[in-house]
Amino acid sequence: MPVLTVRNVSDEVHRALRLRAAQNGRSTEAEVRDILQEAVLPKNQLNLVDELAKIREMLGGVELDITRDPSPAEPASFD
């Protein structure tokens, strides 16, 4: 697993991290991992596929009456 080193963190930020970690019952390192994960992989990130599925369910499904032309398509010519 990769290791990340963060240099030049102010004393104020370090104290705040230690306090926050203690309040959450974990180590400072674990707290920083959690903060980083939340920053780059938010839990409440909108998932378009899931949202569209919810809308489809609210509407009772979607029926599409599509008829396809059965004749074969002509290949593209690049001449």
PDB file of N, CA and C in Angstrom:
ATOM      1  N   MET A   1       0.843  -1.172   0.000  1.00  0.00           N
ATOM      2  CA  MET A   1       0.000   0.000   0.000  1.00  0.00           C
ATOM      3  C   MET A   1       0.895   1.244   0.000  1.00  0.00           C
ATOM      4  N   PRO A   2       0.539   2.260  -0.787  1.00  0.00           N
ATOM      5  CA  PRO A   2       1.368   3.468  -0.859  1.00  0.00           C
ATOM      6  C   PRO A   2       1.432   4.213   0.473  1.00  0.00           C
ATOM      7  N   VAL A   3       2.529   4.927   0.650  1.00  0.00           N
ATOM      8  CA  VAL A   3       2.732   5.745   1.847  1.00  0.00           C
ATOM      9  C   VAL A   3       2.756   7.199   1.397  1.00  0.00           C
ATOM     10  N   LEU A   4       2.112   8.056   2.169  1.00  0.00           N
ATOM     11  CA  LEU A   4       2.045   9.470   1.847  1.00  0.00           C
ATOM     12  C   LEU A   4       2.620  10.259   3.016  1.00  0.00           C
ATOM     13  N   THR A   5       3.547  11.152   2.730  1.00  0.00           N
ATOM     14  CA  THR A   5       4.136  12.003   3.758  1.00  0.00           C
ATOM     15  C   THR A   5       3.717  13.434   3.478  1.00  0.00           C
ATOM     16  N   VAL A   6       3.191  14.108   4.488  1.00  0.00           N
ATOM     17  CA  VAL A   6       2.786  15.505   4.344  1.00  0.00           C
ATOM     18  C   VAL A   6       3.698  16.342   5.232  1.00  0.00           C
ATOM     19  N   ARG A   7       4.419  17.248   4.612  1.00  0.00           N
ATOM     20  CA  ARG A   7       5.372  18.088   5.339  1.00  0.00           C
ATOM     21  C   ARG A   7       4.789  19.481   5.571  1.00  0.00           C
ATOM     22  N   ASN A   8       5.385  20.171   6.527  1.00  0.00           N
ATOM     23  CA  ASN A   8       5.067  21.579   6.803  1.00  0.00           C
ATOM     24  C   ASN A   8       3.609  21.816   7.197  1.00  0.00           C
ATOM     25  N   VAL A   9       3.059  20.914   7.998  1.00  0.00           N
ATOM     26  CA  VAL A   9       1.721  21.111   8.551  1.00  0.00           C
ATOM     27  C   VAL A   9       1.870  22.014   9.762  1.00  0.00           C
ATOM     28  N   SER A  10       1.053  23.043   9.830  1.00  0.00           N
ATOM     29  CA  SER A  10       1.175  23.980  10.944  1.00  0.00           C
ATOM     30  C   SER A  10       0.808  23.302  12.270  1.00  0.00           C
ATOM     31  N   ASP A  11       1.324  23.857  13.351  1.00  0.00           N
ATOM     32  CA  ASP A  11       1.003  23.324  14.678  1.00  0.00           C
ATOM     33  C   ASP A  11      -0.495  23.364  14.932  1.00  0.00           C
ATOM     34  N   GLU A  12      -1.141  24.416  14.480  1.00  0.00           N
ATOM     35  CA  GLU A  12      -2.587  24.567  14.674  1.00  0.00           C
ATOM     36  C   GLU A  12      -3.360  23.448  13.977  1.00  0.00           C
ATOM     37  N   VAL A  13      -2.989  23.143  12.747  1.00  0.00           N
ATOM     38  CA  VAL A  13      -3.656  22.077  11.994  1.00  0.00           C
ATOM     39  C   VAL A  13      -3.372  20.729  12.644  1.00  0.00           C
ATOM     40  N   HIS A  14      -2.134  20.511  13.083  1.00  0.00           N
ATOM     41  CA  HIS A  14      -1.778  19.244  13.717  1.00  0.00           C
ATOM     42  C   HIS A  14      -2.572  19.041  15.007  1.00  0.00           C
ATOM     43  N   ARG A  15      -2.677  20.098  15.818  1.00  0.00           N
ATOM     44  CA  ARG A  15      -3.472  20.003  17.051  1.00  0.00           C
ATOM     45  C   ARG A  15      -4.929  19.695  16.729  1.00  0.00           C
ATOM     46  N   ALA A  16      -5.478  20.375  15.715  1.00  0.00           N
ATOM     47  CA  ALA A  16      -6.877  20.152  15.338  1.00  0.00           C
ATOM     48  C   ALA A  16      -7.095  18.719  14.855  1.00  0.00           C
ATOM     49  N   LEU A  17      -6.136  18.188  14.105  1.00  0.00           N
ATOM     50  CA  LEU A  17      -6.239  16.794  13.651  1.00  0.00           C
ATOM     51  C   LEU A  17      -6.214  15.825  14.822  1.00  0.00           C
ATOM     52  N   ARG A  18      -5.300  16.066  15.765  1.00  0.00           N
ATOM     53  CA  ARG A  18      -5.225  15.187  16.944  1.00  0.00           C
ATOM     54  C   ARG A  18      -6.510  15.247  17.750  1.00  0.00           C
ATOM     55  N   LEU A  19      -7.068  16.436  17.915  1.00  0.00           N
ATOM     56  CA  LEU A  19      -8.321  16.593  18.659  1.00  0.00           C
ATOM     57  C   LEU A  19      -9.469  15.888  17.943  1.00  0.00           C
ATOM     58  N   ARG A  20      -9.557  16.111  16.646  1.00  0.00           N
ATOM     59  CA  ARG A  20     -10.623  15.472  15.858  1.00  0.00           C
ATOM     60  C   ARG A  20     -10.508  13.949  15.909  1.00  0.00           C
ATOM     61  N   ALA A  21      -9.286  13.438  15.819  1.00  0.00           N
ATOM     62  CA  ALA A  21      -9.063  11.993  15.896  1.00  0.00           C
ATOM     63  C   ALA A  21      -9.508  11.449  17.244  1.00  0.00           C
ATOM     64  N   ALA A  22      -9.151  12.146  18.307  1.00  0.00           N
ATOM     65  CA  ALA A  22      -9.550  11.710  19.652  1.00  0.00           C
ATOM     66  C   ALA A  22     -11.064  11.713  19.799  1.00  0.00           C
ATOM     67  N   GLN A  23     -11.719  12.727  19.272  1.00  0.00           N
ATOM     68  CA  GLN A  23     -13.183  12.802  19.345  1.00  0.00           C
ATOM     69  C   GLN A  23     -13.844  11.654  18.584  1.00  0.00           C
ATOM     70  N   ASN A  24     -13.182  11.182  17.543  1.00  0.00           N
ATOM     71  CA  ASN A  24     -13.729  10.073  16.751  1.00  0.00           C
ATOM     72  C   ASN A  24     -13.186   8.718  17.183  1.00  0.00           C
ATOM     73  N   GLY A  25     -12.360   8.715  18.233  1.00  0.00           N
ATOM     74  CA  GLY A  25     -11.859   7.453  18.782  1.00  0.00           C
ATOM     75  C   GLY A  25     -10.892   6.719  17.879  1.00  0.00           C
ATOM     76  N   ARG A  26     -10.046   7.452  17.176  1.00  0.00           N
ATOM     77  CA  ARG A  26      -9.067   6.797  16.314  1.00  0.00           C
ATOM     78  C   ARG A  26      -7.758   7.561  16.337  1.00  0.00           C
ATOM     79  N   SER A  27      -6.757   6.980  15.718  1.00  0.00           N
ATOM     80  CA  SER A  27      -5.441   7.615  15.674  1.00  0.00           C
ATOM     81  C   SER A  27      -5.467   8.806  14.722  1.00  0.00           C
ATOM     82  N   THR A  28      -4.470   9.669  14.869  1.00  0.00           N
ATOM     83  CA  THR A  28      -4.366  10.815  13.960  1.00  0.00           C
ATOM     84  C   THR A  28      -4.201  10.324  12.528  1.00  0.00           C
ATOM     85  N   GLU A  29      -3.397   9.296  12.340  1.00  0.00           N
ATOM     86  CA  GLU A  29      -3.185   8.740  10.999  1.00  0.00           C
ATOM     87  C   GLU A  29      -4.491   8.228  10.399  1.00  0.00           C
ATOM     88  N   ALA A  30      -5.284   7.506  11.186  1.00  0.00           N
ATOM     89  CA  ALA A  30      -6.568   6.997  10.709  1.00  0.00           C
ATOM     90  C   ALA A  30      -7.521   8.154  10.387  1.00  0.00           C
ATOM     91  N   GLU A  31      -7.457   9.192  11.186  1.00  0.00           N
ATOM     92  CA  GLU A  31      -8.308  10.359  10.943  1.00  0.00           C
ATOM     93  C   GLU A  31      -7.944  11.028   9.629  1.00  0.00           C
ATOM     94  N   VAL A  32      -6.647  11.184   9.372  1.00  0.00           N
ATOM     95  CA  VAL A  32      -6.193  11.800   8.120  1.00  0.00           C
ATOM     96  C   VAL A  32      -6.621  10.937   6.937  1.00  0.00           C
ATOM     97  N   ARG A  33      -6.514   9.606   7.060  1.00  0.00           N
ATOM     98  CA  ARG A  33      -6.966   8.719   5.978  1.00  0.00           C
ATOM     99  C   ARG A  33      -8.445   8.923   5.695  1.00  0.00           C
ATOM    100  N   ASP A  34      -9.240   9.030   6.756  1.00  0.00           N
ATOM    101  CA  ASP A  34     -10.681   9.227   6.594  1.00  0.00           C
ATOM    102  C   ASP A  34     -10.986  10.568   5.926  1.00  0.00           C
ATOM    103  N   ILE A  35     -10.291  11.617   6.340  1.00  0.00           N
ATOM    104  CA  ILE A  35     -10.489  12.946   5.750  1.00  0.00           C
ATOM    105  C   ILE A  35     -10.141  12.918   4.263  1.00  0.00           C
ATOM    106  N   LEU A  36      -9.017  12.303   3.916  1.00  0.00           N
ATOM    107  CA  LEU A  36      -8.612  12.225   2.518  1.00  0.00           C
ATOM    108  C   LEU A  36      -9.608  11.424   1.683  1.00  0.00           C
ATOM    109  N   GLN A  37     -10.075  10.314   2.237  1.00  0.00           N
ATOM    110  CA  GLN A  37     -11.043   9.490   1.509  1.00  0.00           C
ATOM    111  C   GLN A  37     -12.332  10.267   1.264  1.00  0.00           C
ATOM    112  N   GLU A  38     -12.820  10.966   2.273  1.00  0.00           N
ATOM    113  CA  GLU A  38     -14.030  11.772   2.110  1.00  0.00           C
ATOM    114  C   GLU A  38     -13.831  12.879   1.079  1.00  0.00           C
ATOM    115  N   ALA A  39     -12.629  13.436   1.026  1.00  0.00           N
ATOM    116  CA  ALA A  39     -12.363  14.537   0.100  1.00  0.00           C
ATOM    117  C   ALA A  39     -12.359  14.082  -1.352  1.00  0.00           C
ATOM    118  N   VAL A  40     -11.842  12.901  -1.609  1.00  0.00           N
ATOM    119  CA  VAL A  40     -11.708  12.469  -2.999  1.00  0.00           C
ATOM    120  C   VAL A  40     -12.752  11.441  -3.419  1.00  0.00           C
ATOM    121  N   LEU A  41     -13.384  10.775  -2.470  1.00  0.00           N
ATOM    122  CA  LEU A  41     -14.426   9.794  -2.769  1.00  0.00           C
ATOM    123  C   LEU A  41     -15.655  10.058  -1.902  1.00  0.00           C
ATOM    124  N   PRO A  42     -16.349  11.171  -2.113  1.00  0.00           N
ATOM    125  CA  PRO A  42     -17.480  11.495  -1.242  1.00  0.00           C
ATOM    126  C   PRO A  42     -18.592  10.451  -1.313  1.00  0.00           C
ATOM    127  N   LYS A  43     -19.180  10.153  -0.171  1.00  0.00           N
ATOM    128  CA  LYS A  43     -20.249   9.157  -0.099  1.00  0.00           C
ATOM    129  C   LYS A  43     -21.514   9.642  -0.781  1.00  0.00           C
ATOM    130  N   ASN A  44     -21.751  10.938  -0.754  1.00  0.00           N
ATOM    131  CA  ASN A  44     -22.988  11.471  -1.302  1.00  0.00           C
ATOM    132  C   ASN A  44     -22.839  11.924  -2.751  1.00  0.00           C
ATOM    133  N   GLN A  45     -21.838  11.398  -3.435  1.00  0.00           N
ATOM    134  CA  GLN A  45     -21.627  11.745  -4.831  1.00  0.00           C
ATOM    135  C   GLN A  45     -22.803  11.219  -5.651  1.00  0.00           C
ATOM    136  N   LEU A  46     -23.352  12.059  -6.497  1.00  0.00           N
ATOM    137  CA  LEU A  46     -24.503  11.701  -7.306  1.00  0.00           C
ATOM    138  C   LEU A  46     -24.128  10.624  -8.315  1.00  0.00           C
ATOM    139  N   ASN A  47     -24.897   9.554  -8.325  1.00  0.00           N
ATOM    140  CA  ASN A  47     -24.706   8.474  -9.279  1.00  0.00           C
ATOM    141  C   ASN A  47     -25.863   8.550 -10.269  1.00  0.00           C
ATOM    142  N   LEU A  48     -25.581   9.007 -11.485  1.00  0.00           N
ATOM    143  CA  LEU A  48     -26.616   9.254 -12.474  1.00  0.00           C
ATOM    144  C   LEU A  48     -27.426   8.001 -12.786  1.00  0.00           C
ATOM    145  N   VAL A  49     -26.788   6.863 -12.885  1.00  0.00           N
ATOM    146  CA  VAL A  49     -27.501   5.620 -13.196  1.00  0.00           C
ATOM    147  C   VAL A  49     -28.512   5.297 -12.109  1.00  0.00           C
ATOM    148  N   ASP A  50     -28.111   5.412 -10.844  1.00  0.00           N
ATOM    149  CA  ASP A  50     -29.027   5.138  -9.738  1.00  0.00           C
ATOM    150  C   ASP A  50     -30.183   6.130  -9.714  1.00  0.00           C
ATOM    151  N   GLU A  51     -29.886   7.403  -9.958  1.00  0.00           N
ATOM    152  CA  GLU A  51     -30.939   8.424  -9.951  1.00  0.00           C
ATOM    153  C   GLU A  51     -31.944   8.189 -11.071  1.00  0.00           C
ATOM    154  N   LEU A  52     -31.480   7.826 -12.253  1.00  0.00           N
ATOM    155  CA  LEU A  52     -32.391   7.539 -13.354  1.00  0.00           C
ATOM    156  C   LEU A  52     -33.235   6.299 -13.063  1.00  0.00           C
ATOM    157  N   ALA A  53     -32.662   5.310 -12.412  1.00  0.00           N
ATOM    158  CA  ALA A  53     -33.420   4.112 -12.039  1.00  0.00           C
ATOM    159  C   ALA A  53     -34.522   4.467 -11.042  1.00  0.00           C
ATOM    160  N   LYS A  54     -34.226   5.367 -10.101  1.00  0.00           N
ATOM    161  CA  LYS A  54     -35.250   5.807  -9.139  1.00  0.00           C
ATOM    162  C   LYS A  54     -36.400   6.513  -9.851  1.00  0.00           C
ATOM    163  N   ILE A  55     -36.071   7.366 -10.798  1.00  0.00           N
ATOM    164  CA  ILE A  55     -37.103   8.086 -11.553  1.00  0.00           C
ATOM    165  C   ILE A  55     -37.954   7.099 -12.347  1.00  0.00           C
ATOM    166  N   ARG A  56     -37.299   6.125 -12.972  1.00  0.00           N
ATOM    167  CA  ARG A  56     -38.043   5.114 -13.735  1.00  0.00           C
ATOM    168  C   ARG A  56     -39.010   4.359 -12.831  1.00  0.00           C
ATOM    169  N   GLU A  57     -38.566   4.012 -11.632  1.00  0.00           N
ATOM    170  CA  GLU A  57     -39.434   3.300 -10.702  1.00  0.00           C
ATOM    171  C   GLU A  57     -40.593   4.171 -10.249  1.00  0.00           C
ATOM    172  N   MET A  58     -40.331   5.466 -10.000  1.00  0.00           N
ATOM    173  CA  MET A  58     -41.402   6.382  -9.589  1.00  0.00           C
ATOM    174  C   MET A  58     -42.473   6.491 -10.678  1.00  0.00           C
ATOM    175  N   LEU A  59     -42.052   6.425 -11.927  1.00  0.00           N
ATOM    176  CA  LEU A  59     -42.979   6.544 -13.043  1.00  0.00           C
ATOM    177  C   LEU A  59     -43.629   5.213 -13.407  1.00  0.00           C
ATOM    178  N   GLY A  60     -43.227   4.149 -12.759  1.00  0.00           N
ATOM    179  CA  GLY A  60     -43.818   2.849 -13.037  1.00  0.00           C
ATOM    180  C   GLY A  60     -43.202   2.145 -14.231  1.00  0.00           C
ATOM    181  N   GLY A  61     -42.012   2.507 -14.567  1.00  0.00           N
ATOM    182  CA  GLY A  61     -41.338   1.878 -15.696  1.00  0.00           C
ATOM    183  C   GLY A  61     -41.547   2.680 -16.964  1.00  0.00           C
ATOM    184  N   VAL A  62     -40.833   2.320 -17.966  1.00  0.00           N
ATOM    185  CA  VAL A  62     -40.916   3.018 -19.243  1.00  0.00           C
ATOM    186  C   VAL A  62     -41.056   1.977 -20.341  1.00  0.00           C
ATOM    187  N   GLU A  63     -42.098   2.117 -21.135  1.00  0.00           N
ATOM    188  CA  GLU A  63     -42.299   1.234 -22.279  1.00  0.00           C
ATOM    189  C   GLU A  63     -41.970   2.009 -23.543  1.00  0.00           C
ATOM    190  N   LEU A  64     -41.089   1.493 -24.343  1.00  0.00           N
ATOM    191  CA  LEU A  64     -40.726   2.140 -25.591  1.00  0.00           C
ATOM    192  C   LEU A  64     -41.244   1.304 -26.751  1.00  0.00           C
ATOM    193  N   ASP A  65     -41.999   1.919 -27.629  1.00  0.00           N
ATOM    194  CA  ASP A  65     -42.521   1.238 -28.805  1.00  0.00           C
ATOM    195  C   ASP A  65     -41.630   1.618 -29.978  1.00  0.00           C
ATOM    196  N   ILE A  66     -40.588   0.841 -30.171  1.00  0.00           N
ATOM    197  CA  ILE A  66     -39.614   1.142 -31.210  1.00  0.00           C
ATOM    198  C   ILE A  66     -39.645   0.022 -32.240  1.00  0.00           C
ATOM    199  N   THR A  67     -39.823   0.407 -33.486  1.00  0.00           N
ATOM    200  CA  THR A  67     -39.745  -0.585 -34.559  1.00  0.00           C
ATOM    201  C   THR A  67     -38.449  -0.331 -35.317  1.00  0.00           C
ATOM    202  N   ARG A  68     -37.756  -1.378 -35.561  1.00  0.00           N
ATOM    203  CA  ARG A  68     -36.463  -1.264 -36.240  1.00  0.00           C
ATOM    204  C   ARG A  68     -36.634  -1.620 -37.712  1.00  0.00           C
ATOM    205  N   ASP A  69     -35.963  -0.873 -38.540  1.00  0.00           N
ATOM    206  CA  ASP A  69     -35.960  -1.154 -39.969  1.00  0.00           C
ATOM    207  C   ASP A  69     -35.197  -2.467 -40.175  1.00  0.00           C
ATOM    208  N   PRO A  70     -35.862  -3.504 -40.695  1.00  0.00           N
ATOM    209  CA  PRO A  70     -35.203  -4.812 -40.827  1.00  0.00           C
ATOM    210  C   PRO A  70     -34.212  -4.895 -41.981  1.00  0.00           C
ATOM    211  N   SER A  71     -34.202  -3.895 -42.855  1.00  0.00           N
ATOM    212  CA  SER A  71     -33.292  -3.975 -43.998  1.00  0.00           C
ATOM    213  C   SER A  71     -31.852  -3.762 -43.528  1.00  0.00           C
ATOM    214  N   PRO A  72     -30.899  -4.460 -44.161  1.00  0.00           N
ATOM    215  CA  PRO A  72     -29.496  -4.330 -43.723  1.00  0.00           C
ATOM    216  C   PRO A  72     -28.953  -2.929 -44.011  1.00  0.00           C
ATOM    217  N   ALA A  73     -28.102  -2.481 -43.148  1.00  0.00           N
ATOM    218  CA  ALA A  73     -27.480  -1.165 -43.313  1.00  0.00           C
ATOM    219  C   ALA A  73     -26.374  -1.253 -44.343  1.00  0.00           C
ATOM    220  N   GLU A  74     -26.194  -0.183 -45.080  1.00  0.00           N
ATOM    221  CA  GLU A  74     -25.121  -0.133 -46.058  1.00  0.00           C
ATOM    222  C   GLU A  74     -23.825   0.234 -45.352  1.00  0.00           C
ATOM    223  N   PRO A  75     -22.720  -0.419 -45.696  1.00  0.00           N
ATOM    224  CA  PRO A  75     -21.452  -0.076 -45.066  1.00  0.00           C
ATOM    225  C   PRO A  75     -21.005   1.315 -45.484  1.00  0.00           C
ATOM    226  N   ALA A  76     -20.279   1.969 -44.616  1.00  0.00           N
ATOM    227  CA  ALA A  76     -19.764   3.315 -44.902  1.00  0.00           C
ATOM    228  C   ALA A  76     -18.686   3.227 -45.972  1.00  0.00           C
ATOM    229  N   SER A  77     -18.639   4.240 -46.806  1.00  0.00           N
ATOM    230  CA  SER A  77     -17.617   4.309 -47.846  1.00  0.00           C
ATOM    231  C   SER A  77     -16.685   5.462 -47.525  1.00  0.00           C
ATOM    232  N   PHE A  78     -15.396   5.189 -47.515  1.00  0.00           N
ATOM    233  CA  PHE A  78     -14.404   6.225 -47.188  1.00  0.00           C
ATOM    234  C   PHE A  78     -13.565   6.598 -48.404  1.00  0.00           C
ATOM    235  N   ASP A  79     -14.119   6.333 -49.587  1.00  0.00           N
ATOM    236  CA  ASP A  79     -13.399   6.658 -50.824  1.00  0.00           C
ATOM    237  C   ASP A  79     -13.520   8.114 -51.168  1.00  0.00           C
TER     238      ASP A  79
END
